[in-house]
Amino acid sequence: MALLNIRTALGANATAQVLSGSVFEFIHEPSLVEIGVSADATGVLMTINAGPDTLCEESPTTVKTINLVPVYPDDFFSDNALPDDRLAVKVRDTTGAARVVMTQVRVTPLG
């Protein structure tokens, strides 16, 4: 299983593509993908896609103390992904204040 923790400093009213440019952005073999997102305060929205599947669209993140990763399995979305599926996690601040967003990606090969 591969595990990736990403800390994103999200500017006021900003949007970030969390996995853009990461080695985890594209899946290389059939895998179970689990993605969790949390923020340090309310007002951060997340959109999560795994290939053609939308797992979450413009939904509030869970709120945790700053720099704490999402709780597994409570804060996670999961999907079976195929080779060449793109993982996309977009976070957007709606509060006008800078936020810290923690994302955890778990990729477990199926086979």
Protein backbone atom coordinates (compact mmCIF):
# COMPACT_ATOMS: atom_id res chain seq x y z
CA MET A 1 0.00 0.00 0.00
CA ALA A 2 1.23 3.46 -0.86
CA LEU A 3 0.43 6.32 1.51
CA LEU A 4 0.79 10.03 0.81
CA ASN A 5 0.17 12.91 3.21
CA ILE A 6 -0.09 16.38 1.67
CA ARG A 7 -0.25 19.68 3.54
CA THR A 8 -1.70 22.51 1.44
CA ALA A 9 -1.46 26.15 2.50
CA LEU A 10 -4.64 27.47 0.90
CA GLY A 11 -4.78 31.22 0.40
CA ALA A 12 -7.85 33.33 1.10
CA ASN A 13 -10.55 32.63 -1.52
CA ALA A 14 -8.07 30.39 -3.37
CA THR A 15 -8.46 27.06 -5.16
CA ALA A 16 -5.80 24.33 -5.26
CA GLN A 17 -5.43 21.07 -7.21
CA VAL A 18 -3.81 19.03 -4.45
CA LEU A 19 -2.47 16.10 -6.51
CA SER A 20 -1.41 18.02 -9.61
CA GLY A 21 2.09 16.90 -10.60
CA SER A 22 2.25 14.15 -7.96
CA VAL A 23 3.31 10.59 -8.76
CA PHE A 24 -0.06 9.63 -7.26
CA GLU A 25 -1.99 11.64 -9.85
CA PHE A 26 -2.28 8.70 -12.28
CA ILE A 27 -2.98 5.08 -11.30
CA HIS A 28 -0.70 2.45 -12.88
CA GLU A 29 -2.50 -0.78 -11.95
CA PRO A 30 -5.99 -1.77 -10.73
CA SER A 31 -6.16 -0.35 -7.20
CA LEU A 32 -8.36 0.55 -4.28
CA VAL A 33 -8.01 4.30 -3.81
CA GLU A 34 -8.94 5.97 -0.52
CA ILE A 35 -8.78 9.75 -0.15
CA GLY A 36 -9.42 11.84 2.95
CA VAL A 37 -9.39 15.63 3.32
CA SER A 38 -9.56 17.83 6.42
CA ALA A 39 -9.11 21.55 7.06
CA ASP A 40 -8.25 23.66 10.09
CA ALA A 41 -11.59 25.57 10.01
CA THR A 42 -14.98 25.58 8.32
CA GLY A 43 -15.47 27.08 4.88
CA VAL A 44 -13.23 24.80 2.80
CA LEU A 45 -14.97 22.81 0.05
CA MET A 46 -13.57 19.70 -1.64
CA THR A 47 -14.15 17.91 -4.92
CA ILE A 48 -12.72 14.41 -5.36
CA ASN A 49 -12.56 12.47 -8.65
CA ALA A 50 -11.06 9.06 -9.44
CA GLY A 51 -11.00 8.60 -13.21
CA PRO A 52 -14.56 9.07 -14.51
CA ASP A 53 -16.05 8.71 -11.01
CA THR A 54 -16.96 11.76 -8.93
CA LEU A 55 -16.69 10.75 -5.29
CA CYS A 56 -17.49 14.14 -3.80
CA GLU A 57 -18.43 17.48 -5.35
CA GLU A 58 -18.10 20.86 -3.60
CA SER A 59 -18.70 19.39 -0.16
CA PRO A 60 -17.40 20.76 3.14
CA THR A 61 -14.26 19.12 4.49
CA THR A 62 -14.10 17.76 8.00
CA VAL A 63 -12.63 20.17 10.53
CA LYS A 64 -9.59 19.11 12.56
CA THR A 65 -6.92 20.82 14.61
CA ILE A 66 -4.31 22.36 12.31
CA ASN A 67 -1.93 19.82 10.67
CA LEU A 68 -3.91 16.72 11.69
CA VAL A 69 -4.53 14.21 8.92
CA PRO A 70 -8.06 12.91 8.25
CA VAL A 71 -9.26 10.04 10.45
CA TYR A 72 -9.31 6.66 8.72
CA PRO A 73 -11.87 5.39 7.71
CA ASP A 74 -14.33 8.04 8.95
CA ASP A 75 -13.15 10.94 6.74
CA PHE A 76 -12.32 8.93 3.60
CA PHE A 77 -13.90 8.33 0.20
CA SER A 78 -12.97 5.13 -1.64
CA ASP A 79 -13.17 3.83 -5.20
CA ASN A 80 -11.71 1.12 -7.39
CA ALA A 81 -9.44 2.75 -9.95
CA LEU A 82 -8.08 1.35 -13.21
CA PRO A 83 -4.76 1.99 -14.96
CA ASP A 84 -4.48 5.53 -16.34
CA ASP A 85 -7.30 6.83 -14.13
CA ARG A 86 -6.49 10.31 -12.89
CA LEU A 87 -6.97 11.17 -9.23
CA ALA A 88 -8.04 14.76 -8.69
CA VAL A 89 -8.57 16.52 -5.38
CA LYS A 90 -9.62 20.18 -5.59
CA VAL A 91 -10.01 22.31 -2.47
CA ARG A 92 -11.53 25.80 -2.39
CA ASP A 93 -11.65 28.37 0.40
CA THR A 94 -14.91 30.33 0.75
CA THR A 95 -14.12 32.33 3.90
CA GLY A 96 -11.67 35.02 2.84
CA ALA A 97 -9.03 33.70 5.28
CA ALA A 98 -6.03 31.47 4.64
CA ARG A 99 -6.49 27.81 5.62
CA VAL A 100 -4.38 24.69 6.07
CA VAL A 101 -5.76 21.59 4.34
CA MET A 102 -4.48 18.08 5.01
CA THR A 103 -5.02 15.37 2.40
CA GLN A 104 -4.19 11.70 2.72
CA VAL A 105 -4.18 9.33 -0.27
CA ARG A 106 -4.00 5.55 0.16
CA VAL A 107 -3.47 3.36 -2.91
CA THR A 108 -3.70 -0.42 -2.50
CA PRO A 109 -3.06 -2.58 -5.60
CA LEU A 110 -5.78 -5.15 -6.30
CA GLY A 111 -4.02 -8.22 -7.47
